[in-house]
C-alpha atoms as a PDB file:
ATOM      1  CA  MET A   1     116.153  51.890  25.317  1.00  0.00           C
ATOM      2  CA  LYS A   2     118.596  52.863  22.598  1.00  0.00           C
ATOM      3  CA  SER A   3     117.793  55.767  20.357  1.00  0.00           C
ATOM      4  CA  ARG A   4     118.038  55.827  16.515  1.00  0.00           C
ATOM      5  CA  VAL A   5     120.710  58.478  16.884  1.00  0.00           C
ATOM      6  CA  ALA A   6     122.615  56.336  19.248  1.00  0.00           C
ATOM      7  CA  TRP A   7     122.320  53.286  16.977  1.00  0.00           C
ATOM      8  CA  TYR A   8     123.408  55.312  13.972  1.00  0.00           C
ATOM      9  CA  LEU A   9     126.442  56.785  15.618  1.00  0.00           C
ATOM     10  CA  ARG A  10     127.563  53.425  16.995  1.00  0.00           C
ATOM     11  CA  ALA A  11     127.134  51.936  13.576  1.00  0.00           C
ATOM     12  CA  LYS A  12     129.255  54.617  12.045  1.00  0.00           C
ATOM     13  CA  ARG A  13     131.952  54.203  14.633  1.00  0.00           C
ATOM     14  CA  GLN A  14     132.126  50.573  14.170  1.00  0.00           C
ATOM     15  CA  ALA A  15     132.085  50.929  10.272  1.00  0.00           C
ATOM     16  CA  ARG A  16     135.229  53.106  10.742  1.00  0.00           C
ATOM     17  CA  GLY A  17     136.896  50.481  12.866  1.00  0.00           C
ATOM     18  CA  LEU A  18     137.088  52.728  15.973  1.00  0.00           C
ATOM     19  CA  THR A  19     136.953  51.242  19.370  1.00  0.00           C
ATOM     20  CA  VAL A  20     135.185  53.300  22.096  1.00  0.00           C
ATOM     21  CA  GLU A  21     138.650  54.008  23.629  1.00  0.00           C
ATOM     22  CA  ALA A  22     139.955  55.370  20.395  1.00  0.00           C
ATOM     23  CA  LEU A  23     136.968  57.519  19.975  1.00  0.00           C
ATOM     24  CA  ALA A  24     137.378  58.767  23.515  1.00  0.00           C
ATOM     25  CA  MET A  25     140.893  59.892  22.573  1.00  0.00           C
ATOM     26  CA  ARG A  26     139.774  61.513  19.406  1.00  0.00           C
ATOM     27  CA  LEU A  27     137.115  63.415  21.474  1.00  0.00           C
ATOM     28  CA  GLY A  28     140.093  64.869  23.592  1.00  0.00           C
ATOM     29  CA  TYR A  29     139.245  63.082  26.896  1.00  0.00           C
ATOM     30  CA  LYS A  30     142.210  63.228  29.297  1.00  0.00           C
ATOM     31  CA  ASN A  31     140.397  60.693  31.392  1.00  0.00           C
ATOM     32  CA  ILE A  32     139.804  57.934  28.798  1.00  0.00           C
ATOM     33  CA  ARG A  33     137.742  55.732  31.115  1.00  0.00           C
ATOM     34  CA  LYS A  34     135.391  58.686  31.800  1.00  0.00           C
ATOM     35  CA  GLY A  35     135.106  59.290  28.024  1.00  0.00           C
ATOM     36  CA  VAL A  36     134.456  55.639  27.352  1.00  0.00           C
ATOM     37  CA  HIS A  37     131.726  55.637  30.010  1.00  0.00           C
ATOM     38  CA  ARG A  38     129.931  58.717  28.464  1.00  0.00           C
ATOM     39  CA  ILE A  39     130.154  57.255  24.959  1.00  0.00           C
ATOM     40  CA  LEU A  40     128.860  53.889  26.068  1.00  0.00           C
ATOM     41  CA  ARG A  41     126.036  55.360  28.130  1.00  0.00           C
ATOM     42  CA  PHE A  42     125.029  57.194  24.949  1.00  0.00           C
ATOM     43  CA  GLU A  43     125.277  54.091  22.712  1.00  0.00           C
ATOM     44  CA  HIS A  44     123.415  51.825  25.182  1.00  0.00           C
ATOM     45  CA  GLU A  45     120.954  54.201  26.926  1.00  0.00           C
ATOM     46  CA  GLY A  46     120.762  56.946  24.467  1.00  0.00           C
ATOM     47  CA  ARG A  47     121.661  59.564  27.223  1.00  0.00           C
ATOM     48  CA  TYR A  48     123.926  62.326  26.146  1.00  0.00           C
ATOM     49  CA  SER A  49     124.835  66.007  26.647  1.00  0.00           C
ATOM     50  CA  HIS A  50     124.446  68.426  23.604  1.00  0.00           C
ATOM     51  CA  GLY A  51     128.305  68.816  23.649  1.00  0.00           C
ATOM     52  CA  LEU A  52     128.972  65.217  23.474  1.00  0.00           C
ATOM     53  CA  LEU A  53     126.598  64.776  20.557  1.00  0.00           C
ATOM     54  CA  VAL A  54     128.177  67.762  18.563  1.00  0.00           C
ATOM     55  CA  ASN A  55     131.651  66.258  19.289  1.00  0.00           C
ATOM     56  CA  LEU A  56     130.668  62.811  18.165  1.00  0.00           C
ATOM     57  CA  VAL A  57     129.226  64.095  14.845  1.00  0.00           C
ATOM     58  CA  ASP A  58     132.326  66.236  14.174  1.00  0.00           C
ATOM     59  CA  ARG A  59     134.891  63.377  14.994  1.00  0.00           C
ATOM     60  CA  LEU A  60     132.991  60.817  13.068  1.00  0.00           C
ATOM     61  CA  GLY A  61     132.710  63.185  10.083  1.00  0.00           C
ATOM     62  CA  LEU A  62     128.954  62.923   9.808  1.00  0.00           C
ATOM     63  CA  ARG A  63     126.430  65.458   8.737  1.00  0.00           C
ATOM     64  CA  TYR A  64     124.465  67.207  11.347  1.00  0.00           C
ATOM     65  CA  GLU A  65     121.294  67.203   9.142  1.00  0.00           C
ATOM     66  CA  THR A  66     121.366  63.396   9.204  1.00  0.00           C
ATOM     67  CA  VAL A  67     121.617  63.201  12.868  1.00  0.00           C
ATOM     68  CA  LEU A  68     118.688  65.821  13.266  1.00  0.00           C
ATOM     69  CA  ASP A  69     116.473  63.851  10.859  1.00  0.00           C
ATOM     70  CA  LEU A  70     117.001  60.772  13.195  1.00  0.00           C
ATOM     71  CA  MET A  71     115.922  62.749  16.227  1.00  0.00           C
END
């Protein structure tokens, strides 16, 4: 089941016109496929590490407070 945070971050990624691959590159993954897998797992299943969530919020230019409110 997708979480509200995952839904929100996916919507923001799409609104910025970023593909999952482009976002993985922005996050600094050397292995883009691995980054894509982690991002998609988060977007579809809501599973993530704290580090991934922090990096996504930073790279998408979002406010931490908004994300915390969604949790």
